[in-house]
PDB file of N, CA and C in Angstrom:
ATOM      1  N   MET A   1      19.037 170.704 206.790  1.00  0.00           N
ATOM      2  CA  MET A   1      19.864 170.065 205.348  1.00  0.00           C
ATOM      3  C   MET A   1      21.337 170.488 205.737  1.00  0.00           C
ATOM      4  N   ASN A   2      22.130 169.472 205.509  1.00  0.00           N
ATOM      5  CA  ASN A   2      23.863 169.824 205.611  1.00  0.00           C
ATOM      6  C   ASN A   2      23.879 171.117 204.613  1.00  0.00           C
ATOM      7  N   PRO A   3      24.631 171.672 205.311  1.00  0.00           N
ATOM      8  CA  PRO A   3      24.922 173.069 204.352  1.00  0.00           C
ATOM      9  C   PRO A   3      25.974 172.565 203.140  1.00  0.00           C
ATOM     10  N   ASN A   4      27.136 171.381 203.043  1.00  0.00           N
ATOM     11  CA  ASN A   4      27.445 171.219 201.959  1.00  0.00           C
ATOM     12  C   ASN A   4      26.729 170.244 201.037  1.00  0.00           C
ATOM     13  N   VAL A   5      25.257 170.036 201.412  1.00  0.00           N
ATOM     14  CA  VAL A   5      24.577 169.220 200.264  1.00  0.00           C
ATOM     15  C   VAL A   5      23.765 170.567 199.698  1.00  0.00           C
ATOM     16  N   ALA A   6      23.425 171.390 200.504  1.00  0.00           N
ATOM     17  CA  ALA A   6      22.806 172.437 200.047  1.00  0.00           C
ATOM     18  C   ALA A   6      23.378 173.249 199.008  1.00  0.00           C
ATOM     19  N   LEU A   7      24.358 172.884 199.200  1.00  0.00           N
ATOM     20  CA  LEU A   7      25.350 174.018 197.933  1.00  0.00           C
ATOM     21  C   LEU A   7      25.696 173.240 196.890  1.00  0.00           C
ATOM     22  N   ASN A   8      25.313 172.254 197.180  1.00  0.00           N
ATOM     23  CA  ASN A   8      25.977 171.352 195.731  1.00  0.00           C
ATOM     24  C   ASN A   8      24.605 170.739 195.325  1.00  0.00           C
ATOM     25  N   LEU A   9      23.374 170.913 195.949  1.00  0.00           N
ATOM     26  CA  LEU A   9      22.358 170.041 195.368  1.00  0.00           C
ATOM     27  C   LEU A   9      21.577 170.080 194.153  1.00  0.00           C
ATOM     28  N   ALA A  10      21.847 171.245 193.582  1.00  0.00           N
ATOM     29  CA  ALA A  10      21.947 171.667 191.986  1.00  0.00           C
ATOM     30  C   ALA A  10      22.697 170.296 190.990  1.00  0.00           C
ATOM     31  N   LEU A  11      23.646 170.301 191.308  1.00  0.00           N
ATOM     32  CA  LEU A  11      24.564 169.117 190.650  1.00  0.00           C
ATOM     33  C   LEU A  11      24.899 167.920 190.858  1.00  0.00           C
ATOM     34  N   ILE A  12      24.066 167.752 192.140  1.00  0.00           N
ATOM     35  CA  ILE A  12      23.704 166.276 192.637  1.00  0.00           C
ATOM     36  C   ILE A  12      22.194 165.933 191.862  1.00  0.00           C
ATOM     37  N   LEU A  13      21.476 166.986 191.842  1.00  0.00           N
ATOM     38  CA  LEU A  13      19.926 166.370 191.079  1.00  0.00           C
ATOM     39  C   LEU A  13      19.994 166.399 189.709  1.00  0.00           C
ATOM     40  N   PHE A  14      21.288 167.199 188.973  1.00  0.00           N
ATOM     41  CA  PHE A  14      21.400 166.992 187.986  1.00  0.00           C
ATOM     42  C   PHE A  14      22.136 166.342 187.241  1.00  0.00           C
ATOM     43  N   LEU A  15      23.058 165.848 188.108  1.00  0.00           N
ATOM     44  CA  LEU A  15      24.115 164.276 187.729  1.00  0.00           C
ATOM     45  C   LEU A  15      23.860 163.784 186.594  1.00  0.00           C
ATOM     46  N   PRO A  16      22.778 162.686 187.096  1.00  0.00           N
ATOM     47  CA  PRO A  16      22.251 161.608 185.990  1.00  0.00           C
ATOM     48  C   PRO A  16      21.921 161.981 184.841  1.00  0.00           C
ATOM     49  N   TRP A  17      21.263 163.287 184.809  1.00  0.00           N
ATOM     50  CA  TRP A  17      21.160 163.803 183.431  1.00  0.00           C
ATOM     51  C   TRP A  17      22.054 164.511 182.533  1.00  0.00           C
ATOM     52  N   PHE A  18      22.881 165.050 183.143  1.00  0.00           N
ATOM     53  CA  PHE A  18      24.591 165.569 182.609  1.00  0.00           C
ATOM     54  C   PHE A  18      25.209 164.006 182.246  1.00  0.00           C
ATOM     55  N   ALA A  19      25.339 163.303 183.020  1.00  0.00           N
ATOM     56  CA  ALA A  19      25.758 161.756 182.551  1.00  0.00           C
ATOM     57  C   ALA A  19      25.356 161.147 181.319  1.00  0.00           C
ATOM     58  N   ILE A  20      23.748 161.313 181.593  1.00  0.00           N
ATOM     59  CA  ILE A  20      22.964 160.983 180.263  1.00  0.00           C
ATOM     60  C   ILE A  20      23.135 161.495 178.741  1.00  0.00           C
ATOM     61  N   LEU A  21      23.237 162.921 178.987  1.00  0.00           N
ATOM     62  CA  LEU A  21      23.773 163.895 177.637  1.00  0.00           C
ATOM     63  C   LEU A  21      25.207 163.602 177.636  1.00  0.00           C
ATOM     64  N   GLY A  22      26.031 163.419 178.598  1.00  0.00           N
ATOM     65  CA  GLY A  22      27.221 163.533 178.237  1.00  0.00           C
ATOM     66  C   GLY A  22      27.529 161.934 177.643  1.00  0.00           C
ATOM     67  N   THR A  23      26.856 160.728 177.589  1.00  0.00           N
ATOM     68  CA  THR A  23      27.373 159.793 177.398  1.00  0.00           C
ATOM     69  C   THR A  23      26.969 159.602 175.621  1.00  0.00           C
ATOM     70  N   LEU A  24      25.812 160.476 175.563  1.00  0.00           N
ATOM     71  CA  LEU A  24      25.503 160.780 174.085  1.00  0.00           C
ATOM     72  C   LEU A  24      26.520 161.272 173.363  1.00  0.00           C
ATOM     73  N   PHE A  25      26.794 162.339 173.896  1.00  0.00           N
ATOM     74  CA  PHE A  25      27.848 163.403 173.437  1.00  0.00           C
ATOM     75  C   PHE A  25      29.108 162.234 172.692  1.00  0.00           C
ATOM     76  N   TRP A  26      29.708 161.615 174.024  1.00  0.00           N
ATOM     77  CA  TRP A  26      30.658 160.984 173.621  1.00  0.00           C
ATOM     78  C   TRP A  26      30.612 159.891 172.242  1.00  0.00           C
ATOM     79  N   ILE A  27      29.137 158.946 172.360  1.00  0.00           N
ATOM     80  CA  ILE A  27      28.935 157.980 171.508  1.00  0.00           C
ATOM     81  C   ILE A  27      28.661 158.503 170.080  1.00  0.00           C
ATOM     82  N   TYR A  28      28.010 159.715 170.090  1.00  0.00           N
ATOM     83  CA  TYR A  28      27.531 160.031 168.639  1.00  0.00           C
ATOM     84  C   TYR A  28      27.739 161.214 168.258  1.00  0.00           C
ATOM     85  N   PRO A  29      28.699 161.105 167.085  1.00  0.00           N
ATOM     86  CA  PRO A  29      28.325 160.006 165.768  1.00  0.00           C
ATOM     87  C   PRO A  29      29.390 159.150 166.005  1.00  0.00           C
ATOM     88  N   ARG A  30      29.339 158.165 166.051  1.00  0.00           N
ATOM     89  CA  ARG A  30      30.522 156.858 166.226  1.00  0.00           C
ATOM     90  C   ARG A  30      31.914 157.281 165.279  1.00  0.00           C
ATOM     91  N   ALA A  31      31.500 157.843 164.323  1.00  0.00           N
ATOM     92  CA  ALA A  31      33.252 157.703 163.557  1.00  0.00           C
ATOM     93  C   ALA A  31      33.357 159.639 163.283  1.00  0.00           C
ATOM     94  N   PRO A  32      34.401 160.076 162.988  1.00  0.00           N
ATOM     95  CA  PRO A  32      35.482 159.241 163.529  1.00  0.00           C
ATOM     96  C   PRO A  32      36.246 159.338 164.654  1.00  0.00           C
ATOM     97  N   ARG A  33      36.692 158.043 165.160  1.00  0.00           N
ATOM     98  CA  ARG A  33      37.145 157.953 166.733  1.00  0.00           C
ATOM     99  C   ARG A  33      38.721 158.470 166.589  1.00  0.00           C
ATOM    100  N   GLY A  34      39.228 158.671 167.184  1.00  0.00           N
ATOM    101  CA  GLY A  34      41.104 158.886 167.394  1.00  0.00           C
ATOM    102  C   GLY A  34      40.913 159.280 168.713  1.00  0.00           C
ATOM    103  N   ALA A  35      42.565 159.489 168.942  1.00  0.00           N
ATOM    104  CA  ALA A  35      42.936 160.368 170.169  1.00  0.00           C
ATOM    105  C   ALA A  35      42.716 161.707 169.715  1.00  0.00           C
ATOM    106  N   PRO A  36      42.548 162.544 168.553  1.00  0.00           N
ATOM    107  CA  PRO A  36      42.331 163.900 168.970  1.00  0.00           C
ATOM    108  C   PRO A  36      40.628 164.063 169.420  1.00  0.00           C
ATOM    109  N   ARG A  37      39.538 162.971 168.592  1.00  0.00           N
ATOM    110  CA  ARG A  37      38.429 163.295 168.998  1.00  0.00           C
ATOM    111  C   ARG A  37      38.052 162.794 170.490  1.00  0.00           C
ATOM    112  N   VAL A  38      38.826 162.040 170.849  1.00  0.00           N
ATOM    113  CA  VAL A  38      38.778 161.353 172.289  1.00  0.00           C
ATOM    114  C   VAL A  38      38.907 162.743 173.181  1.00  0.00           C
ATOM    115  N   LEU A  39      40.133 163.094 173.068  1.00  0.00           N
ATOM    116  CA  LEU A  39      40.627 164.593 173.843  1.00  0.00           C
ATOM    117  C   LEU A  39      39.993 165.459 173.742  1.00  0.00           C
ATOM    118  N   PHE A  40      39.407 165.741 172.660  1.00  0.00           N
ATOM    119  CA  PHE A  40      38.309 167.150 172.287  1.00  0.00           C
ATOM    120  C   PHE A  40      37.296 166.518 173.399  1.00  0.00           C
ATOM    121  N   ASP A  41      36.320 165.428 173.130  1.00  0.00           N
ATOM    122  CA  ASP A  41      35.144 165.068 173.924  1.00  0.00           C
ATOM    123  C   ASP A  41      35.609 164.902 175.337  1.00  0.00           C
ATOM    124  N   LEU A  42      36.563 164.775 175.838  1.00  0.00           N
ATOM    125  CA  LEU A  42      37.327 164.907 177.316  1.00  0.00           C
ATOM    126  C   LEU A  42      36.840 166.257 177.853  1.00  0.00           C
ATOM    127  N   ALA A  43      37.814 166.869 176.835  1.00  0.00           N
ATOM    128  CA  ALA A  43      37.940 168.232 177.623  1.00  0.00           C
ATOM    129  C   ALA A  43      36.246 169.000 177.299  1.00  0.00           C
ATOM    130  N   SER A  44      35.685 168.637 176.293  1.00  0.00           N
ATOM    131  CA  SER A  44      34.521 169.591 176.274  1.00  0.00           C
ATOM    132  C   SER A  44      33.352 169.113 177.591  1.00  0.00           C
ATOM    133  N   LEU A  45      33.415 167.612 177.700  1.00  0.00           N
ATOM    134  CA  LEU A  45      32.653 167.147 179.120  1.00  0.00           C
ATOM    135  C   LEU A  45      33.333 167.669 180.355  1.00  0.00           C
ATOM    136  N   ALA A  46      34.621 168.000 180.485  1.00  0.00           N
ATOM    137  CA  ALA A  46      35.330 168.249 181.564  1.00  0.00           C
ATOM    138  C   ALA A  46      34.666 170.109 181.709  1.00  0.00           C
ATOM    139  N   LEU A  47      34.680 170.780 180.478  1.00  0.00           N
ATOM    140  CA  LEU A  47      34.368 172.184 180.476  1.00  0.00           C
ATOM    141  C   LEU A  47      32.854 172.219 180.747  1.00  0.00           C
ATOM    142  N   ALA A  48      32.333 171.435 180.573  1.00  0.00           N
ATOM    143  CA  ALA A  48      30.734 171.725 180.830  1.00  0.00           C
ATOM    144  C   ALA A  48      30.419 171.351 182.398  1.00  0.00           C
ATOM    145  N   VAL A  49      31.395 170.620 182.542  1.00  0.00           N
ATOM    146  CA  VAL A  49      30.492 170.054 184.136  1.00  0.00           C
ATOM    147  C   VAL A  49      31.283 171.238 184.726  1.00  0.00           C
ATOM    148  N   ALA A  50      32.615 171.594 184.469  1.00  0.00           N
ATOM    149  CA  ALA A  50      33.377 173.318 185.768  1.00  0.00           C
ATOM    150  C   ALA A  50      32.407 174.243 185.355  1.00  0.00           C
ATOM    151  N   ALA A  51      31.850 174.277 183.904  1.00  0.00           N
ATOM    152  CA  ALA A  51      30.845 175.751 183.987  1.00  0.00           C
ATOM    153  C   ALA A  51      29.392 175.733 184.810  1.00  0.00           C
ATOM    154  N   ALA A  52      29.289 174.348 184.968  1.00  0.00           N
ATOM    155  CA  ALA A  52      27.456 174.075 185.513  1.00  0.00           C
ATOM    156  C   ALA A  52      28.123 174.304 186.969  1.00  0.00           C
ATOM    157  N   ALA A  53      29.521 173.933 187.613  1.00  0.00           N
ATOM    158  CA  ALA A  53      29.639 173.914 188.834  1.00  0.00           C
ATOM    159  C   ALA A  53      29.735 175.196 189.153  1.00  0.00           C
ATOM    160  N   LEU A  54      30.819 176.280 188.642  1.00  0.00           N
ATOM    161  CA  LEU A  54      30.635 177.357 188.549  1.00  0.00           C
ATOM    162  C   LEU A  54      29.582 178.384 188.670  1.00  0.00           C
ATOM    163  N   GLY A  55      28.499 178.059 187.784  1.00  0.00           N
ATOM    164  CA  GLY A  55      27.388 178.594 187.680  1.00  0.00           C
ATOM    165  C   GLY A  55      26.591 178.713 188.655  1.00  0.00           C
ATOM    166  N   MET A  56      26.726 177.250 189.596  1.00  0.00           N
ATOM    167  CA  MET A  56      25.871 176.953 190.469  1.00  0.00           C
ATOM    168  C   MET A  56      26.282 177.569 191.824  1.00  0.00           C
ATOM    169  N   TYR A  57      27.366 177.784 191.867  1.00  0.00           N
ATOM    170  CA  TYR A  57      28.359 178.356 193.201  1.00  0.00           C
ATOM    171  C   TYR A  57      28.236 179.910 193.255  1.00  0.00           C
ATOM    172  N   TRP A  58      28.039 180.309 191.751  1.00  0.00           N
ATOM    173  CA  TRP A  58      27.735 182.003 191.615  1.00  0.00           C
ATOM    174  C   TRP A  58      26.482 182.372 191.782  1.00  0.00           C
ATOM    175  N   SER A  59      25.421 181.670 191.556  1.00  0.00           N
ATOM    176  CA  SER A  59      24.729 181.894 191.984  1.00  0.00           C
ATOM    177  C   SER A  59      23.527 181.633 192.849  1.00  0.00           C
ATOM    178  N   MET A  60      24.436 180.681 193.793  1.00  0.00           N
ATOM    179  CA  MET A  60      23.782 180.357 195.297  1.00  0.00           C
ATOM    180  C   MET A  60      24.560 181.522 196.120  1.00  0.00           C
ATOM    181  N   ALA A  61      25.850 182.239 195.595  1.00  0.00           N
ATOM    182  CA  ALA A  61      26.467 183.097 196.429  1.00  0.00           C
ATOM    183  C   ALA A  61      26.010 184.470 196.151  1.00  0.00           C
ATOM    184  N   ASN A  62      25.170 184.625 195.092  1.00  0.00           N
ATOM    185  CA  ASN A  62      24.296 185.784 194.499  1.00  0.00           C
ATOM    186  C   ASN A  62      23.136 185.811 194.422  1.00  0.00           C
ATOM    187  N   ALA A  63      22.236 185.066 194.783  1.00  0.00           N
ATOM    188  CA  ALA A  63      21.157 185.021 194.734  1.00  0.00           C
ATOM    189  C   ALA A  63      20.143 185.635 195.987  1.00  0.00           C
ATOM    190  N   ASP A  64      19.185 186.791 195.398  1.00  0.00           N
ATOM    191  CA  ASP A  64      18.508 187.302 196.440  1.00  0.00           C
ATOM    192  C   ASP A  64      17.965 186.448 197.803  1.00  0.00           C
ATOM    193  N   PRO A  65      18.682 186.999 198.941  1.00  0.00           N
ATOM    194  CA  PRO A  65      18.170 186.051 200.105  1.00  0.00           C
ATOM    195  C   PRO A  65      16.849 186.550 200.575  1.00  0.00           C
ATOM    196  N   GLN A  66      16.490 187.483 200.096  1.00  0.00           N
ATOM    197  CA  GLN A  66      14.840 187.903 200.675  1.00  0.00           C
ATOM    198  C   GLN A  66      13.928 187.190 199.906  1.00  0.00           C
ATOM    199  N   ALA A  67      14.522 186.002 198.756  1.00  0.00           N
ATOM    200  CA  ALA A  67      13.764 185.352 197.770  1.00  0.00           C
ATOM    201  C   ALA A  67      13.398 183.877 198.658  1.00  0.00           C
ATOM    202  N   GLY A  68      14.075 183.726 199.422  1.00  0.00           N
ATOM    203  CA  GLY A  68      13.629 182.431 200.032  1.00  0.00           C
ATOM    204  C   GLY A  68      14.945 181.628 199.737  1.00  0.00           C
ATOM    205  N   ALA A  69      15.144 180.590 200.328  1.00  0.00           N
ATOM    206  CA  ALA A  69      15.725 179.499 200.062  1.00  0.00           C
ATOM    207  C   ALA A  69      15.790 178.520 199.404  1.00  0.00           C
ATOM    208  N   ILE A  70      14.475 178.561 198.725  1.00  0.00           N
ATOM    209  CA  ILE A  70      13.961 177.434 197.684  1.00  0.00           C
ATOM    210  C   ILE A  70      14.845 178.230 196.119  1.00  0.00           C
ATOM    211  N   TRP A  71      14.380 179.514 196.477  1.00  0.00           N
ATOM    212  CA  TRP A  71      14.914 180.373 195.049  1.00  0.00           C
ATOM    213  C   TRP A  71      16.327 179.945 194.653  1.00  0.00           C
ATOM    214  N   LYS A  72      16.912 179.851 195.695  1.00  0.00           N
ATOM    215  CA  LYS A  72      18.448 180.088 195.654  1.00  0.00           C
ATOM    216  C   LYS A  72      18.561 178.347 194.561  1.00  0.00           C
ATOM    217  N   GLN A  73      17.744 177.716 195.405  1.00  0.00           N
ATOM    218  CA  GLN A  73      18.339 176.206 194.622  1.00  0.00           C
ATOM    219  C   GLN A  73      17.703 176.143 192.953  1.00  0.00           C
ATOM    220  N   VAL A  74      16.358 177.331 192.671  1.00  0.00           N
ATOM    221  CA  VAL A  74      15.995 177.146 191.434  1.00  0.00           C
ATOM    222  C   VAL A  74      16.706 177.821 190.723  1.00  0.00           C
ATOM    223  N   LEU A  75      17.259 178.861 191.241  1.00  0.00           N
ATOM    224  CA  LEU A  75      18.518 179.663 190.228  1.00  0.00           C
ATOM    225  C   LEU A  75      19.830 179.132 189.733  1.00  0.00           C
ATOM    226  N   ALA A  76      20.055 178.096 190.996  1.00  0.00           N
ATOM    227  CA  ALA A  76      21.419 177.752 190.546  1.00  0.00           C
ATOM    228  C   ALA A  76      21.073 176.367 189.616  1.00  0.00           C
ATOM    229  N   SER A  77      19.887 175.532 189.820  1.00  0.00           N
ATOM    230  CA  SER A  77      19.662 174.255 189.025  1.00  0.00           C
ATOM    231  C   SER A  77      19.885 175.256 187.933  1.00  0.00           C
ATOM    232  N   THR A  78      18.803 176.001 187.572  1.00  0.00           N
ATOM    233  CA  THR A  78      18.368 176.573 186.030  1.00  0.00           C
ATOM    234  C   THR A  78      19.893 176.803 185.303  1.00  0.00           C
ATOM    235  N   LEU A  79      20.745 177.835 186.211  1.00  0.00           N
ATOM    236  CA  LEU A  79      22.137 178.560 185.300  1.00  0.00           C
ATOM    237  C   LEU A  79      23.073 177.421 185.537  1.00  0.00           C
ATOM    238  N   SER A  80      23.396 176.677 186.194  1.00  0.00           N
ATOM    239  CA  SER A  80      23.875 175.268 185.869  1.00  0.00           C
ATOM    240  C   SER A  80      23.694 174.408 184.672  1.00  0.00           C
ATOM    241  N   TYR A  81      22.382 173.998 184.591  1.00  0.00           N
ATOM    242  CA  TYR A  81      22.002 173.379 183.776  1.00  0.00           C
ATOM    243  C   TYR A  81      21.925 174.386 182.427  1.00  0.00           C
ATOM    244  N   GLY A  82      21.456 175.389 182.341  1.00  0.00           N
ATOM    245  CA  GLY A  82      21.849 176.661 180.754  1.00  0.00           C
ATOM    246  C   GLY A  82      23.119 176.227 180.385  1.00  0.00           C
ATOM    247  N   LEU A  83      24.325 176.659 181.328  1.00  0.00           N
ATOM    248  CA  LEU A  83      25.762 176.770 180.892  1.00  0.00           C
ATOM    249  C   LEU A  83      25.862 175.349 180.488  1.00  0.00           C
ATOM    250  N   PHE A  84      25.611 174.119 181.527  1.00  0.00           N
ATOM    251  CA  PHE A  84      26.051 172.725 180.506  1.00  0.00           C
ATOM    252  C   PHE A  84      25.733 172.347 179.157  1.00  0.00           C
ATOM    253  N   LEU A  85      24.354 172.601 179.097  1.00  0.00           N
ATOM    254  CA  LEU A  85      24.051 172.904 177.815  1.00  0.00           C
ATOM    255  C   LEU A  85      24.529 173.796 176.936  1.00  0.00           C
ATOM    256  N   LEU A  86      24.812 174.937 177.165  1.00  0.00           N
ATOM    257  CA  LEU A  86      25.608 175.961 175.998  1.00  0.00           C
ATOM    258  C   LEU A  86      26.988 175.624 175.911  1.00  0.00           C
ATOM    259  N   VAL A  87      27.675 174.949 176.935  1.00  0.00           N
ATOM    260  CA  VAL A  87      29.321 174.489 176.737  1.00  0.00           C
ATOM    261  C   VAL A  87      28.861 173.364 175.247  1.00  0.00           C
ATOM    262  N   MET A  88      27.950 172.405 175.872  1.00  0.00           N
ATOM    263  CA  MET A  88      27.859 171.080 174.968  1.00  0.00           C
ATOM    264  C   MET A  88      27.193 171.129 173.610  1.00  0.00           C
ATOM    265  N   THR A  89      26.424 172.199 173.457  1.00  0.00           N
ATOM    266  CA  THR A  89      25.896 172.611 172.044  1.00  0.00           C
ATOM    267  C   THR A  89      26.989 173.507 171.200  1.00  0.00           C
ATOM    268  N   VAL A  90      27.858 174.343 172.189  1.00  0.00           N
ATOM    269  CA  VAL A  90      29.152 174.991 171.210  1.00  0.00           C
ATOM    270  C   VAL A  90      30.004 173.926 171.135  1.00  0.00           C
ATOM    271  N   ALA A  91      30.261 172.570 171.888  1.00  0.00           N
ATOM    272  CA  ALA A  91      31.350 171.494 171.449  1.00  0.00           C
ATOM    273  C   ALA A  91      30.825 170.650 170.184  1.00  0.00           C
ATOM    274  N   PHE A  92      29.336 170.796 170.266  1.00  0.00           N
ATOM    275  CA  PHE A  92      29.091 169.815 169.471  1.00  0.00           C
ATOM    276  C   PHE A  92      29.094 170.640 168.004  1.00  0.00           C
ATOM    277  N   PHE A  93      28.581 171.752 168.219  1.00  0.00           N
ATOM    278  CA  PHE A  93      29.430 172.380 166.366  1.00  0.00           C
ATOM    279  C   PHE A  93      30.437 172.562 166.108  1.00  0.00           C
ATOM    280  N   VAL A  94      31.379 172.777 167.122  1.00  0.00           N
ATOM    281  CA  VAL A  94      32.720 173.013 166.933  1.00  0.00           C
ATOM    282  C   VAL A  94      33.743 171.475 166.674  1.00  0.00           C
ATOM    283  N   ARG A  95      32.882 170.366 167.346  1.00  0.00           N
ATOM    284  CA  ARG A  95      33.141 169.114 167.107  1.00  0.00           C
ATOM    285  C   ARG A  95      32.895 168.872 165.449  1.00  0.00           C
ATOM    286  N   ARG A  96      31.936 168.813 165.079  1.00  0.00           N
ATOM    287  CA  ARG A  96      31.453 168.335 163.498  1.00  0.00           C
ATOM    288  C   ARG A  96      32.347 169.364 162.688  1.00  0.00           C
ATOM    289  N   ARG A  97      32.298 170.814 162.930  1.00  0.00           N
ATOM    290  CA  ARG A  97      33.378 171.414 162.204  1.00  0.00           C
ATOM    291  C   ARG A  97      34.820 171.107 162.116  1.00  0.00           C
ATOM    292  N   LEU A  98      35.340 170.499 163.176  1.00  0.00           N
ATOM    293  CA  LEU A  98      36.554 169.935 163.435  1.00  0.00           C
ATOM    294  C   LEU A  98      37.140 168.988 162.744  1.00  0.00           C
ATOM    295  N   PHE A  99      36.251 168.121 162.939  1.00  0.00           N
ATOM    296  CA  PHE A  99      36.188 166.650 162.449  1.00  0.00           C
ATOM    297  C   PHE A  99      35.324 166.443 161.167  1.00  0.00           C
ATOM    298  N   ALA A 100      34.833 167.196 160.434  1.00  0.00           N
ATOM    299  CA  ALA A 100      34.101 167.122 159.082  1.00  0.00           C
ATOM    300  C   ALA A 100      34.719 166.515 158.157  1.00  0.00           C
ATOM    301  N   ARG A 101      35.853 166.727 158.251  1.00  0.00           N
ATOM    302  CA  ARG A 101      36.920 166.259 156.729  1.00  0.00           C
ATOM    303  C   ARG A 101      37.816 165.355 157.178  1.00  0.00           C
ATOM    304  N   LEU A 102      37.034 164.256 158.299  1.00  0.00           N
ATOM    305  CA  LEU A 102      37.757 163.224 158.680  1.00  0.00           C
ATOM    306  C   LEU A 102      36.374 162.289 158.217  1.00  0.00           C
ATOM    307  N   ARG A 103      36.845 160.764 157.659  1.00  0.00           N
ATOM    308  CA  ARG A 103      35.934 159.479 157.640  1.00  0.00           C
ATOM    309  C   ARG A 103      36.558 158.490 158.009  1.00  0.00           C
ATOM    310  N   VAL A 104      35.816 157.705 158.189  1.00  0.00           N
ATOM    311  CA  VAL A 104      36.538 156.228 158.623  1.00  0.00           C
ATOM    312  C   VAL A 104      36.809 155.587 157.088  1.00  0.00           C
ATOM    313  N   VAL A 105      38.110 154.901 157.086  1.00  0.00           N
ATOM    314  CA  VAL A 105      38.501 154.409 155.703  1.00  0.00           C
ATOM    315  C   VAL A 105      38.250 152.940 155.777  1.00  0.00           C
ATOM    316  N   PRO A 106      37.105 152.954 154.842  1.00  0.00           N
ATOM    317  CA  PRO A 106      36.629 151.177 154.577  1.00  0.00           C
ATOM    318  C   PRO A 106      37.682 150.076 154.635  1.00  0.00           C
ATOM    319  N   GLY A 107      37.389 149.207 155.249  1.00  0.00           N
ATOM    320  CA  GLY A 107      38.237 147.989 155.498  1.00  0.00           C
ATOM    321  C   GLY A 107      39.276 148.242 156.201  1.00  0.00           C
ATOM    322  N   ALA A 108      39.546 149.682 156.761  1.00  0.00           N
ATOM    323  CA  ALA A 108      40.660 149.770 157.784  1.00  0.00           C
ATOM    324  C   ALA A 108      40.487 149.365 159.430  1.00  0.00           C
ATOM    325  N   ARG A 109      41.522 149.106 159.987  1.00  0.00           N
ATOM    326  CA  ARG A 109      41.039 148.862 161.103  1.00  0.00           C
ATOM    327  C   ARG A 109      40.072 149.793 162.178  1.00  0.00           C
ATOM    328  N   ARG A 110      39.585 149.406 163.437  1.00  0.00           N
ATOM    329  CA  ARG A 110      38.720 150.092 164.136  1.00  0.00           C
ATOM    330  C   ARG A 110      39.501 151.453 164.530  1.00  0.00           C
ATOM    331  N   GLY A 111      38.507 152.610 164.399  1.00  0.00           N
ATOM    332  CA  GLY A 111      39.126 153.526 164.795  1.00  0.00           C
ATOM    333  C   GLY A 111      39.881 154.615 163.929  1.00  0.00           C
ATOM    334  N   HIS A 112      40.514 154.042 162.873  1.00  0.00           N
ATOM    335  CA  HIS A 112      41.582 154.327 161.944  1.00  0.00           C
ATOM    336  C   HIS A 112      40.758 155.632 161.357  1.00  0.00           C
ATOM    337  N   VAL A 113      41.363 157.007 161.014  1.00  0.00           N
ATOM    338  CA  VAL A 113      40.819 157.856 160.231  1.00  0.00           C
ATOM    339  C   VAL A 113      41.254 158.375 158.981  1.00  0.00           C
ATOM    340  N   ALA A 114      41.329 158.914 158.309  1.00  0.00           N
ATOM    341  CA  ALA A 114      41.716 159.272 157.059  1.00  0.00           C
ATOM    342  C   ALA A 114      41.140 160.848 156.301  1.00  0.00           C
ATOM    343  N   PRO A 115      42.111 161.576 156.017  1.00  0.00           N
ATOM    344  CA  PRO A 115      41.283 162.733 155.494  1.00  0.00           C
ATOM    345  C   PRO A 115      40.335 162.245 154.582  1.00  0.00           C
ATOM    346  N   LEU A 116      39.110 162.746 153.928  1.00  0.00           N
ATOM    347  CA  LEU A 116      38.297 162.444 153.039  1.00  0.00           C
ATOM    348  C   LEU A 116      39.009 162.577 151.569  1.00  0.00           C
ATOM    349  N   ALA A 117      39.889 163.583 151.457  1.00  0.00           N
ATOM    350  CA  ALA A 117      40.207 163.601 149.976  1.00  0.00           C
ATOM    351  C   ALA A 117      40.996 162.278 149.736  1.00  0.00           C
ATOM    352  N   ASP A 118      41.626 161.595 151.012  1.00  0.00           N
ATOM    353  CA  ASP A 118      42.374 160.442 150.746  1.00  0.00           C
ATOM    354  C   ASP A 118      41.511 159.069 150.404  1.00  0.00           C
ATOM    355  N   SER A 119      40.028 158.918 151.143  1.00  0.00           N
ATOM    356  CA  SER A 119      39.189 157.892 150.879  1.00  0.00           C
ATOM    357  C   SER A 119      38.111 157.749 149.852  1.00  0.00           C
ATOM    358  N   LEU A 120      38.523 158.946 149.021  1.00  0.00           N
ATOM    359  CA  LEU A 120      37.666 159.357 147.890  1.00  0.00           C
ATOM    360  C   LEU A 120      37.977 158.257 146.379  1.00  0.00           C
ATOM    361  N   PRO A 121      37.533 157.753 145.764  1.00  0.00           N
ATOM    362  CA  PRO A 121      37.637 157.272 144.683  1.00  0.00           C
ATOM    363  C   PRO A 121      38.044 158.256 143.703  1.00  0.00           C
ATOM    364  N   GLY A 122      38.804 157.677 142.792  1.00  0.00           N
ATOM    365  CA  GLY A 122      39.356 158.320 141.597  1.00  0.00           C
ATOM    366  C   GLY A 122      41.054 158.950 141.819  1.00  0.00           C
ATOM    367  N   PRO A 123      41.362 159.419 140.715  1.00  0.00           N
ATOM    368  CA  PRO A 123      42.770 159.853 140.606  1.00  0.00           C
ATOM    369  C   PRO A 123      42.925 160.888 141.880  1.00  0.00           C
ATOM    370  N   THR A 124      43.955 160.817 142.488  1.00  0.00           N
ATOM    371  CA  THR A 124      44.663 161.782 143.428  1.00  0.00           C
ATOM    372  C   THR A 124      44.968 163.152 142.934  1.00  0.00           C
ATOM    373  N   PRO A 125      45.041 163.626 143.376  1.00  0.00           N
ATOM    374  CA  PRO A 125      45.494 165.291 143.065  1.00  0.00           C
ATOM    375  C   PRO A 125      47.154 165.396 143.000  1.00  0.00           C
TER     376      PRO A 125
END
């Protein structure tokens, strides 16, 4: 096997699954949408892929050579997947907390968000 393919095999095999999870992270929840949310999502996805790649490279370099070549790949796959999920889970809860006070204003143009207190009926404080 080509050494470059062997080194990146874990990432190559998990890339479709990472794309599915990343797409779900990007799409849901649908609101609020805006520049801060898009930037946060892009940064989260980039950080997750970078963490997965770094974990994969680290595990390939530090796996026990006596265990055999397949176990390097198993360790690399496990560690890269775990790191991707860890970053995405943390990003999910951080995003939820950061954007909890924003909600879509009824009747506003698509993508417009306002603080929750501004969109509630009744007198304003």
